Amino acid sequence: MKLYGIKACDTCRKALKALPDAAFVDVRATPLERAELARFLDAFGSDLVNTRSTTWRGMSEAERAADPLDQLLAHPTLMKRPVIDNGTLYLGWGKDVQAALT
């Protein structure tokens, strides 16, 4: 199982604590490949882009209008997190994800 996120993210820390066997991938330190991000976008669509983040608020209108894949490649912290891959992809750490994985 892999957990994709940012080590400073509280939600990622909570998920990692509850899933101690998960391998953690810090997307800021190790940016994801285009193919991996495309797979996540196929699974979650526009939900993968965090439009409430500081990164999003700091983007110009032209950057916001760009393709979501290009946005995520340029700004890895724009990805909603965590993304958990255990054969099935999960986004976030809501009660539904917790129930499915713990």
N, C-alpha and C. Protein backbone atom coordinates (compact mmCIF):
# COMPACT_ATOMS: atom_id res chain seq x y z
N MET A 1 0.85 -1.17 0.00
CA MET A 1 0.00 0.00 0.00
C MET A 1 0.89 1.23 0.00
N LYS A 2 0.52 2.22 -0.83
CA LYS A 2 1.26 3.48 -0.88
C LYS A 2 0.32 4.62 -0.51
N LEU A 3 0.86 5.56 0.22
CA LEU A 3 0.12 6.75 0.62
C LEU A 3 0.88 7.94 0.03
N TYR A 4 0.22 8.69 -0.86
CA TYR A 4 0.83 9.85 -1.51
C TYR A 4 0.32 11.11 -0.82
N GLY A 5 1.25 11.96 -0.41
CA GLY A 5 0.86 13.19 0.25
C GLY A 5 2.06 14.07 0.52
N ILE A 6 1.94 14.89 1.56
CA ILE A 6 3.01 15.79 1.98
C ILE A 6 3.23 15.56 3.46
N LYS A 7 4.51 15.44 3.86
CA LYS A 7 4.80 15.08 5.24
C LYS A 7 4.32 16.13 6.25
N ALA A 8 4.15 17.37 5.83
CA ALA A 8 3.69 18.41 6.75
C ALA A 8 2.16 18.46 6.86
N CYS A 9 1.46 17.66 6.08
CA CYS A 9 -0.01 17.67 6.06
C CYS A 9 -0.56 16.86 7.23
N ASP A 10 -1.39 17.49 8.05
CA ASP A 10 -1.96 16.82 9.22
C ASP A 10 -2.82 15.62 8.83
N THR A 11 -3.59 15.75 7.76
CA THR A 11 -4.45 14.65 7.32
C THR A 11 -3.60 13.46 6.88
N CYS A 12 -2.51 13.73 6.18
CA CYS A 12 -1.61 12.65 5.76
C CYS A 12 -0.99 11.96 6.98
N ARG A 13 -0.64 12.74 7.98
CA ARG A 13 -0.07 12.17 9.21
C ARG A 13 -1.07 11.25 9.91
N LYS A 14 -2.31 11.68 9.97
CA LYS A 14 -3.36 10.86 10.60
C LYS A 14 -3.53 9.54 9.84
N ALA A 15 -3.57 9.63 8.52
CA ALA A 15 -3.74 8.43 7.69
C ALA A 15 -2.54 7.50 7.86
N LEU A 16 -1.35 8.06 7.88
CA LEU A 16 -0.14 7.25 8.01
C LEU A 16 -0.07 6.57 9.38
N LYS A 17 -0.54 7.27 10.39
CA LYS A 17 -0.57 6.69 11.74
C LYS A 17 -1.53 5.51 11.80
N ALA A 18 -2.67 5.64 11.12
CA ALA A 18 -3.67 4.58 11.11
C ALA A 18 -3.28 3.43 10.18
N LEU A 19 -2.39 3.70 9.24
CA LEU A 19 -1.96 2.70 8.27
C LEU A 19 -0.43 2.56 8.35
N PRO A 20 0.07 1.99 9.44
CA PRO A 20 1.53 1.95 9.66
C PRO A 20 2.31 1.14 8.62
N ASP A 21 1.65 0.25 7.90
CA ASP A 21 2.35 -0.56 6.89
C ASP A 21 2.43 0.13 5.53
N ALA A 22 1.81 1.31 5.41
CA ALA A 22 1.81 2.02 4.13
C ALA A 22 3.16 2.67 3.87
N ALA A 23 3.61 2.59 2.63
CA ALA A 23 4.82 3.30 2.21
C ALA A 23 4.42 4.73 1.88
N PHE A 24 5.09 5.70 2.46
CA PHE A 24 4.74 7.11 2.27
C PHE A 24 5.56 7.71 1.13
N VAL A 25 4.89 8.40 0.21
CA VAL A 25 5.55 9.09 -0.88
C VAL A 25 5.22 10.58 -0.75
N ASP A 26 6.25 11.38 -0.44
CA ASP A 26 6.07 12.83 -0.31
C ASP A 26 6.13 13.43 -1.71
N VAL A 27 4.99 13.93 -2.19
CA VAL A 27 4.92 14.44 -3.57
C VAL A 27 5.68 15.74 -3.75
N ARG A 28 5.99 16.42 -2.67
CA ARG A 28 6.80 17.63 -2.77
C ARG A 28 8.27 17.26 -2.97
N ALA A 29 8.74 16.28 -2.21
CA ALA A 29 10.14 15.86 -2.29
C ALA A 29 10.40 14.98 -3.52
N THR A 30 9.42 14.17 -3.89
CA THR A 30 9.54 13.26 -5.03
C THR A 30 8.33 13.47 -5.93
N PRO A 31 8.38 14.45 -6.82
CA PRO A 31 7.22 14.70 -7.70
C PRO A 31 6.82 13.46 -8.48
N LEU A 32 5.53 13.30 -8.65
CA LEU A 32 5.01 12.12 -9.35
C LEU A 32 5.22 12.23 -10.85
N GLU A 33 5.33 11.08 -11.48
CA GLU A 33 5.45 11.02 -12.93
C GLU A 33 4.11 11.38 -13.57
N ARG A 34 4.17 11.84 -14.80
CA ARG A 34 2.97 12.22 -15.54
C ARG A 34 1.97 11.06 -15.60
N ALA A 35 2.47 9.84 -15.85
CA ALA A 35 1.58 8.67 -15.97
C ALA A 35 0.85 8.39 -14.65
N GLU A 36 1.54 8.55 -13.53
CA GLU A 36 0.93 8.31 -12.22
C GLU A 36 -0.16 9.35 -11.95
N LEU A 37 0.14 10.61 -12.21
CA LEU A 37 -0.86 11.66 -12.03
C LEU A 37 -2.05 11.46 -12.97
N ALA A 38 -1.79 11.02 -14.18
CA ALA A 38 -2.87 10.76 -15.13
C ALA A 38 -3.77 9.65 -14.61
N ARG A 39 -3.18 8.63 -14.01
CA ARG A 39 -3.97 7.53 -13.42
C ARG A 39 -4.86 8.06 -12.30
N PHE A 40 -4.32 8.93 -11.46
CA PHE A 40 -5.11 9.52 -10.37
C PHE A 40 -6.23 10.39 -10.93
N LEU A 41 -5.92 11.18 -11.96
CA LEU A 41 -6.95 12.03 -12.58
C LEU A 41 -8.05 11.20 -13.21
N ASP A 42 -7.68 10.07 -13.82
CA ASP A 42 -8.70 9.19 -14.41
C ASP A 42 -9.64 8.67 -13.33
N ALA A 43 -9.09 8.38 -12.15
CA ALA A 43 -9.90 7.84 -11.06
C ALA A 43 -10.76 8.89 -10.38
N PHE A 44 -10.22 10.09 -10.18
CA PHE A 44 -10.90 11.10 -9.36
C PHE A 44 -11.38 12.32 -10.13
N GLY A 45 -10.94 12.50 -11.34
CA GLY A 45 -11.34 13.67 -12.13
C GLY A 45 -10.90 14.96 -11.46
N SER A 46 -11.73 15.97 -11.59
CA SER A 46 -11.38 17.30 -11.06
C SER A 46 -11.32 17.33 -9.53
N ASP A 47 -11.84 16.30 -8.87
CA ASP A 47 -11.76 16.26 -7.41
C ASP A 47 -10.31 16.18 -6.92
N LEU A 48 -9.40 15.74 -7.77
CA LEU A 48 -8.00 15.61 -7.38
C LEU A 48 -7.33 16.98 -7.17
N VAL A 49 -7.85 18.02 -7.83
CA VAL A 49 -7.28 19.36 -7.71
C VAL A 49 -7.95 20.08 -6.55
N ASN A 50 -7.12 20.50 -5.59
CA ASN A 50 -7.62 21.18 -4.41
C ASN A 50 -7.78 22.67 -4.69
N THR A 51 -9.00 23.07 -5.03
CA THR A 51 -9.26 24.47 -5.38
C THR A 51 -9.44 25.36 -4.15
N ARG A 52 -9.30 24.80 -2.97
CA ARG A 52 -9.38 25.61 -1.74
C ARG A 52 -8.00 25.83 -1.13
N SER A 53 -6.95 25.37 -1.82
CA SER A 53 -5.60 25.46 -1.26
C SER A 53 -4.98 26.83 -1.46
N THR A 54 -3.96 27.10 -0.68
CA THR A 54 -3.19 28.34 -0.82
C THR A 54 -2.54 28.40 -2.19
N THR A 55 -2.08 27.26 -2.67
CA THR A 55 -1.45 27.21 -3.99
C THR A 55 -2.43 27.66 -5.07
N TRP A 56 -3.66 27.16 -5.01
CA TRP A 56 -4.69 27.52 -6.00
C TRP A 56 -5.00 29.01 -5.94
N ARG A 57 -5.14 29.54 -4.73
CA ARG A 57 -5.47 30.96 -4.58
C ARG A 57 -4.35 31.86 -5.11
N GLY A 58 -3.11 31.35 -5.11
CA GLY A 58 -1.99 32.14 -5.60
C GLY A 58 -1.76 32.03 -7.10
N MET A 59 -2.55 31.20 -7.77
CA MET A 59 -2.38 31.01 -9.21
C MET A 59 -3.12 32.08 -10.01
N SER A 60 -2.57 32.41 -11.18
CA SER A 60 -3.24 33.37 -12.06
C SER A 60 -4.44 32.69 -12.73
N GLU A 61 -5.29 33.49 -13.33
CA GLU A 61 -6.45 32.93 -14.05
C GLU A 61 -6.01 32.02 -15.19
N ALA A 62 -4.91 32.39 -15.85
CA ALA A 62 -4.40 31.56 -16.96
C ALA A 62 -3.93 30.20 -16.43
N GLU A 63 -3.26 30.19 -15.27
CA GLU A 63 -2.81 28.92 -14.68
C GLU A 63 -4.00 28.07 -14.25
N ARG A 64 -5.02 28.71 -13.70
CA ARG A 64 -6.21 27.98 -13.27
C ARG A 64 -6.96 27.37 -14.44
N ALA A 65 -6.87 28.00 -15.61
CA ALA A 65 -7.58 27.51 -16.80
C ALA A 65 -6.81 26.39 -17.50
N ALA A 66 -5.58 26.14 -17.09
CA ALA A 66 -4.74 25.12 -17.73
C ALA A 66 -5.29 23.71 -17.46
N ASP A 67 -4.78 22.76 -18.20
CA ASP A 67 -5.14 21.36 -18.02
C ASP A 67 -4.78 20.91 -16.60
N PRO A 68 -5.68 20.21 -15.90
CA PRO A 68 -5.40 19.77 -14.53
C PRO A 68 -4.11 18.96 -14.39
N LEU A 69 -3.79 18.15 -15.38
CA LEU A 69 -2.55 17.36 -15.32
C LEU A 69 -1.33 18.28 -15.32
N ASP A 70 -1.36 19.31 -16.17
CA ASP A 70 -0.26 20.27 -16.20
C ASP A 70 -0.17 21.06 -14.90
N GLN A 71 -1.33 21.39 -14.32
CA GLN A 71 -1.35 22.10 -13.04
C GLN A 71 -0.67 21.26 -11.95
N LEU A 72 -1.02 19.99 -11.90
CA LEU A 72 -0.47 19.11 -10.87
C LEU A 72 1.02 18.83 -11.07
N LEU A 73 1.45 18.78 -12.31
CA LEU A 73 2.87 18.60 -12.58
C LEU A 73 3.66 19.83 -12.15
N ALA A 74 3.11 21.01 -12.40
CA ALA A 74 3.79 22.26 -12.04
C ALA A 74 3.71 22.55 -10.55
N HIS A 75 2.61 22.14 -9.92
CA HIS A 75 2.37 22.44 -8.50
C HIS A 75 1.92 21.17 -7.77
N PRO A 76 2.86 20.30 -7.34
CA PRO A 76 2.48 19.04 -6.70
C PRO A 76 1.61 19.22 -5.45
N THR A 77 1.76 20.35 -4.76
CA THR A 77 0.97 20.58 -3.55
C THR A 77 -0.49 20.90 -3.85
N LEU A 78 -0.83 21.06 -5.11
CA LEU A 78 -2.21 21.32 -5.51
C LEU A 78 -3.08 20.07 -5.42
N MET A 79 -2.44 18.91 -5.31
CA MET A 79 -3.17 17.64 -5.24
C MET A 79 -3.87 17.49 -3.89
N LYS A 80 -5.15 17.12 -3.93
CA LYS A 80 -5.83 16.78 -2.68
C LYS A 80 -5.16 15.55 -2.12
N ARG A 81 -5.12 15.47 -0.81
CA ARG A 81 -4.37 14.38 -0.20
C ARG A 81 -5.06 13.87 1.06
N PRO A 82 -4.68 12.69 1.43
CA PRO A 82 -3.78 11.77 0.73
C PRO A 82 -4.50 11.02 -0.39
N VAL A 83 -3.69 10.51 -1.31
CA VAL A 83 -4.15 9.53 -2.28
C VAL A 83 -3.56 8.21 -1.79
N ILE A 84 -4.42 7.23 -1.60
CA ILE A 84 -3.99 5.93 -1.08
C ILE A 84 -4.23 4.88 -2.15
N ASP A 85 -3.18 4.10 -2.41
CA ASP A 85 -3.26 3.07 -3.44
C ASP A 85 -2.96 1.71 -2.81
N ASN A 86 -3.98 0.88 -2.71
CA ASN A 86 -3.78 -0.51 -2.24
C ASN A 86 -4.37 -1.48 -3.26
N GLY A 87 -4.27 -1.09 -4.52
CA GLY A 87 -4.92 -1.84 -5.59
C GLY A 87 -6.17 -1.10 -6.03
N THR A 88 -6.82 -0.45 -5.08
CA THR A 88 -7.93 0.46 -5.33
C THR A 88 -7.44 1.83 -4.89
N LEU A 89 -7.83 2.88 -5.63
CA LEU A 89 -7.42 4.23 -5.26
C LEU A 89 -8.46 4.89 -4.37
N TYR A 90 -7.99 5.57 -3.34
CA TYR A 90 -8.84 6.34 -2.43
C TYR A 90 -8.31 7.76 -2.35
N LEU A 91 -9.20 8.72 -2.22
CA LEU A 91 -8.81 10.12 -2.11
C LEU A 91 -9.30 10.67 -0.78
N GLY A 92 -8.38 11.24 -0.01
CA GLY A 92 -8.74 11.85 1.26
C GLY A 92 -8.69 10.84 2.39
N TRP A 93 -9.11 11.30 3.56
CA TRP A 93 -9.11 10.46 4.76
C TRP A 93 -10.43 10.66 5.50
N GLY A 94 -11.51 10.61 4.75
CA GLY A 94 -12.83 10.73 5.34
C GLY A 94 -13.26 9.42 5.99
N LYS A 95 -14.39 9.43 6.62
CA LYS A 95 -14.90 8.25 7.33
C LYS A 95 -15.07 7.05 6.40
N ASP A 96 -15.49 7.31 5.16
CA ASP A 96 -15.68 6.21 4.21
C ASP A 96 -14.34 5.53 3.87
N VAL A 97 -13.29 6.31 3.68
CA VAL A 97 -11.98 5.76 3.38
C VAL A 97 -11.43 5.03 4.61
N GLN A 98 -11.60 5.63 5.77
CA GLN A 98 -11.13 5.00 7.01
C GLN A 98 -11.80 3.65 7.21
N ALA A 99 -13.11 3.59 6.98
CA ALA A 99 -13.84 2.34 7.15
C ALA A 99 -13.38 1.28 6.16
N ALA A 100 -13.03 1.70 4.96
CA ALA A 100 -12.60 0.74 3.94
C ALA A 100 -11.19 0.20 4.20
N LEU A 101 -10.36 0.98 4.88
CA LEU A 101 -8.95 0.61 5.00
C LEU A 101 -8.51 0.18 6.41
N THR A 102 -9.29 0.48 7.43
CA THR A 102 -8.86 0.12 8.78
C THR A 102 -9.73 -0.98 9.36
